[in-house]
Amino acid sequence: MWQDTVIALVGLSFGFMLLPQVRDCIRGKSVNVYTAGLTTVGLYILAITFFTLDMWITVIAEIFSGSVWLLLFLFSVINKRKKK
C-alpha cells in the first residue's frame, strides 16, 4: 500500500525535525508541556489506529515521532522543576 510509505515518510520527517529541539531541552530549555504531552498521546493513538489497518511502516514512524515528543515532554517537565 503506497499510502503506508507516504504517511510513514512524513511521520518520520516530523520526528527527525524535532531532534534539535530535544537537544535544546537536554541543555535546559523547555517546550509547552501540555502541547508535548497531548501530541505524544495523539501520536500513540494514531500508531494504534494504523496498527489496526496493518500499516506497519506507519506504526513504526508514529511510535518514533511520539517517542520524540515524549522526550520533549519529559525533559521539559524536568527543566521546569529545576527552575523553581
N, C-alpha and C. Protein backbone atom coordinates (compact mmCIF):
# COMPACT_ATOMS: atom_id res chain seq x y z
N MET A 1 0.85 -1.17 0.00
CA MET A 1 0.00 0.00 0.00
C MET A 1 0.90 1.24 0.00
N TRP A 2 0.80 2.05 -1.04
CA TRP A 2 1.68 3.21 -1.16
C TRP A 2 1.39 4.25 -0.09
N GLN A 3 0.17 4.30 0.40
CA GLN A 3 -0.18 5.27 1.44
C GLN A 3 0.62 5.02 2.72
N ASP A 4 0.90 3.78 3.01
CA ASP A 4 1.69 3.44 4.19
C ASP A 4 3.06 4.09 4.10
N THR A 5 3.68 4.01 2.96
CA THR A 5 5.01 4.59 2.77
C THR A 5 4.98 6.11 2.86
N VAL A 6 4.02 6.74 2.22
CA VAL A 6 3.94 8.20 2.23
C VAL A 6 3.69 8.73 3.64
N ILE A 7 2.71 8.16 4.34
CA ILE A 7 2.41 8.60 5.70
C ILE A 7 3.61 8.36 6.61
N ALA A 8 4.28 7.24 6.44
CA ALA A 8 5.46 6.93 7.27
C ALA A 8 6.58 7.93 7.03
N LEU A 9 6.83 8.27 5.78
CA LEU A 9 7.90 9.23 5.48
C LEU A 9 7.62 10.59 6.10
N VAL A 10 6.37 11.02 6.03
CA VAL A 10 6.00 12.30 6.64
C VAL A 10 6.15 12.22 8.15
N GLY A 11 5.67 11.14 8.76
CA GLY A 11 5.79 10.97 10.21
C GLY A 11 7.23 10.93 10.68
N LEU A 12 8.07 10.20 9.95
CA LEU A 12 9.48 10.15 10.30
C LEU A 12 10.14 11.51 10.16
N SER A 13 9.78 12.24 9.11
CA SER A 13 10.33 13.58 8.91
C SER A 13 9.99 14.49 10.08
N PHE A 14 8.73 14.42 10.54
CA PHE A 14 8.34 15.25 11.68
C PHE A 14 9.15 14.88 12.92
N GLY A 15 9.41 13.60 13.11
CA GLY A 15 10.21 13.17 14.26
C GLY A 15 11.65 13.65 14.17
N PHE A 16 12.26 13.50 13.00
CA PHE A 16 13.65 13.93 12.83
C PHE A 16 13.80 15.45 12.94
N MET A 17 12.79 16.19 12.50
CA MET A 17 12.86 17.65 12.59
C MET A 17 12.86 18.12 14.05
N LEU A 18 12.37 17.30 14.96
CA LEU A 18 12.32 17.67 16.37
C LEU A 18 13.62 17.38 17.13
N LEU A 19 14.52 16.64 16.53
CA LEU A 19 15.75 16.26 17.25
C LEU A 19 16.56 17.47 17.74
N PRO A 20 16.68 18.56 16.96
CA PRO A 20 17.37 19.74 17.52
C PRO A 20 16.66 20.32 18.74
N GLN A 21 15.33 20.22 18.75
CA GLN A 21 14.58 20.69 19.92
C GLN A 21 14.86 19.82 21.13
N VAL A 22 15.00 18.52 20.92
CA VAL A 22 15.35 17.61 22.03
C VAL A 22 16.73 18.00 22.57
N ARG A 23 17.66 18.28 21.68
CA ARG A 23 19.00 18.71 22.11
C ARG A 23 18.91 19.97 22.97
N ASP A 24 18.07 20.93 22.55
CA ASP A 24 17.90 22.15 23.34
C ASP A 24 17.29 21.85 24.70
N CYS A 25 16.34 20.92 24.75
CA CYS A 25 15.74 20.56 26.03
C CYS A 25 16.74 19.87 26.95
N ILE A 26 17.63 19.08 26.39
CA ILE A 26 18.68 18.45 27.19
C ILE A 26 19.57 19.52 27.80
N ARG A 27 19.74 20.63 27.09
CA ARG A 27 20.60 21.73 27.55
C ARG A 27 19.87 22.71 28.47
N GLY A 28 18.62 22.42 28.83
CA GLY A 28 17.95 23.24 29.82
C GLY A 28 16.74 24.02 29.35
N LYS A 29 16.48 24.07 28.06
CA LYS A 29 15.29 24.78 27.58
C LYS A 29 14.08 23.87 27.71
N SER A 30 12.91 24.41 27.44
CA SER A 30 11.71 23.58 27.55
C SER A 30 10.68 24.01 26.52
N VAL A 31 9.74 23.14 26.29
CA VAL A 31 8.60 23.43 25.43
C VAL A 31 7.36 23.41 26.30
N ASN A 32 6.23 23.79 25.76
CA ASN A 32 4.98 23.75 26.49
C ASN A 32 4.66 22.29 26.80
N VAL A 33 4.55 21.97 28.07
CA VAL A 33 4.35 20.58 28.47
C VAL A 33 2.98 20.05 28.06
N TYR A 34 1.99 20.92 28.01
CA TYR A 34 0.65 20.47 27.58
C TYR A 34 0.66 20.08 26.11
N THR A 35 1.31 20.90 25.30
CA THR A 35 1.42 20.60 23.87
C THR A 35 2.18 19.30 23.66
N ALA A 36 3.31 19.16 24.34
CA ALA A 36 4.13 17.95 24.17
C ALA A 36 3.39 16.71 24.66
N GLY A 37 2.73 16.82 25.78
CA GLY A 37 2.02 15.67 26.33
C GLY A 37 0.84 15.24 25.46
N LEU A 38 0.04 16.19 25.03
CA LEU A 38 -1.11 15.86 24.19
C LEU A 38 -0.69 15.35 22.81
N THR A 39 0.38 15.91 22.26
CA THR A 39 0.88 15.43 20.97
C THR A 39 1.39 14.00 21.11
N THR A 40 2.07 13.70 22.21
CA THR A 40 2.53 12.34 22.46
C THR A 40 1.36 11.36 22.47
N VAL A 41 0.34 11.68 23.23
CA VAL A 41 -0.84 10.80 23.32
C VAL A 41 -1.49 10.65 21.95
N GLY A 42 -1.63 11.75 21.23
CA GLY A 42 -2.25 11.69 19.91
C GLY A 42 -1.48 10.83 18.92
N LEU A 43 -0.16 10.93 18.95
CA LEU A 43 0.64 10.13 18.03
C LEU A 43 0.60 8.64 18.38
N TYR A 44 0.56 8.34 19.67
CA TYR A 44 0.43 6.93 20.06
C TYR A 44 -0.96 6.38 19.69
N ILE A 45 -1.98 7.21 19.79
CA ILE A 45 -3.31 6.79 19.34
C ILE A 45 -3.31 6.53 17.84
N LEU A 46 -2.65 7.41 17.09
CA LEU A 46 -2.53 7.18 15.64
C LEU A 46 -1.78 5.89 15.35
N ALA A 47 -0.74 5.61 16.11
CA ALA A 47 0.01 4.36 15.90
C ALA A 47 -0.89 3.15 16.12
N ILE A 48 -1.71 3.19 17.15
CA ILE A 48 -2.64 2.08 17.39
C ILE A 48 -3.64 1.97 16.24
N THR A 49 -4.12 3.12 15.77
CA THR A 49 -5.07 3.12 14.66
C THR A 49 -4.45 2.53 13.40
N PHE A 50 -3.24 2.95 13.08
CA PHE A 50 -2.57 2.41 11.90
C PHE A 50 -2.24 0.93 12.07
N PHE A 51 -2.00 0.51 13.30
CA PHE A 51 -1.77 -0.91 13.58
C PHE A 51 -3.00 -1.73 13.18
N THR A 52 -4.19 -1.21 13.50
CA THR A 52 -5.41 -1.94 13.15
C THR A 52 -5.65 -1.98 11.65
N LEU A 53 -4.99 -1.07 10.92
CA LEU A 53 -5.10 -1.04 9.46
C LEU A 53 -3.96 -1.81 8.77
N ASP A 54 -3.12 -2.46 9.56
CA ASP A 54 -1.96 -3.21 9.05
C ASP A 54 -0.99 -2.32 8.27
N MET A 55 -0.85 -1.08 8.69
CA MET A 55 0.10 -0.15 8.06
C MET A 55 1.36 -0.10 8.93
N TRP A 56 2.16 -1.16 8.83
CA TRP A 56 3.26 -1.41 9.75
C TRP A 56 4.35 -0.36 9.70
N ILE A 57 4.68 0.13 8.52
CA ILE A 57 5.73 1.15 8.41
C ILE A 57 5.28 2.43 9.12
N THR A 58 4.03 2.78 8.93
CA THR A 58 3.50 3.97 9.57
C THR A 58 3.42 3.80 11.07
N VAL A 59 3.12 2.62 11.55
CA VAL A 59 3.10 2.37 13.00
C VAL A 59 4.46 2.70 13.60
N ILE A 60 5.51 2.22 12.96
CA ILE A 60 6.87 2.48 13.45
C ILE A 60 7.17 3.97 13.42
N ALA A 61 6.78 4.64 12.34
CA ALA A 61 7.03 6.08 12.21
C ALA A 61 6.29 6.87 13.28
N GLU A 62 5.04 6.52 13.55
CA GLU A 62 4.27 7.24 14.56
C GLU A 62 4.80 6.98 15.96
N ILE A 63 5.24 5.77 16.22
CA ILE A 63 5.85 5.48 17.52
C ILE A 63 7.13 6.28 17.69
N PHE A 64 7.93 6.37 16.62
CA PHE A 64 9.16 7.18 16.67
C PHE A 64 8.84 8.63 16.98
N SER A 65 7.92 9.22 16.21
CA SER A 65 7.57 10.63 16.43
C SER A 65 6.96 10.84 17.81
N GLY A 66 6.10 9.92 18.23
CA GLY A 66 5.51 10.03 19.56
C GLY A 66 6.56 9.94 20.65
N SER A 67 7.56 9.11 20.45
CA SER A 67 8.63 8.96 21.44
C SER A 67 9.50 10.21 21.51
N VAL A 68 9.73 10.86 20.38
CA VAL A 68 10.48 12.12 20.39
C VAL A 68 9.70 13.17 21.17
N TRP A 69 8.39 13.25 20.92
CA TRP A 69 7.56 14.17 21.68
C TRP A 69 7.55 13.82 23.17
N LEU A 70 7.57 12.52 23.48
CA LEU A 70 7.63 12.10 24.87
C LEU A 70 8.93 12.58 25.53
N LEU A 71 10.04 12.49 24.82
CA LEU A 71 11.30 13.01 25.34
C LEU A 71 11.21 14.51 25.60
N LEU A 72 10.61 15.24 24.65
CA LEU A 72 10.43 16.68 24.85
C LEU A 72 9.60 16.95 26.09
N PHE A 73 8.55 16.18 26.27
CA PHE A 73 7.69 16.35 27.44
C PHE A 73 8.48 16.09 28.72
N LEU A 74 9.17 14.97 28.78
CA LEU A 74 9.90 14.60 30.00
C LEU A 74 11.00 15.60 30.34
N PHE A 75 11.81 15.98 29.34
CA PHE A 75 12.88 16.95 29.60
C PHE A 75 12.32 18.31 29.99
N SER A 76 11.20 18.69 29.40
CA SER A 76 10.61 19.98 29.74
C SER A 76 10.08 19.99 31.16
N VAL A 77 9.46 18.89 31.58
CA VAL A 77 8.98 18.80 32.97
C VAL A 77 10.16 18.88 33.93
N ILE A 78 11.21 18.14 33.63
CA ILE A 78 12.41 18.15 34.48
C ILE A 78 12.99 19.56 34.54
N ASN A 79 13.13 20.21 33.39
CA ASN A 79 13.73 21.55 33.35
C ASN A 79 12.87 22.58 34.08
N LYS A 80 11.55 22.48 33.98
CA LYS A 80 10.69 23.42 34.69
C LYS A 80 10.78 23.21 36.20
N ARG A 81 10.93 21.97 36.65
CA ARG A 81 11.07 21.72 38.09
C ARG A 81 12.40 22.24 38.62
N LYS A 82 13.45 22.18 37.81
CA LYS A 82 14.76 22.68 38.22
C LYS A 82 14.73 24.19 38.40
N LYS A 83 13.92 24.88 37.61
CA LYS A 83 13.89 26.35 37.66
C LYS A 83 13.09 26.89 38.84
N LYS A 84 12.36 26.05 39.53
CA LYS A 84 11.56 26.52 40.68
C LYS A 84 12.42 26.71 41.90
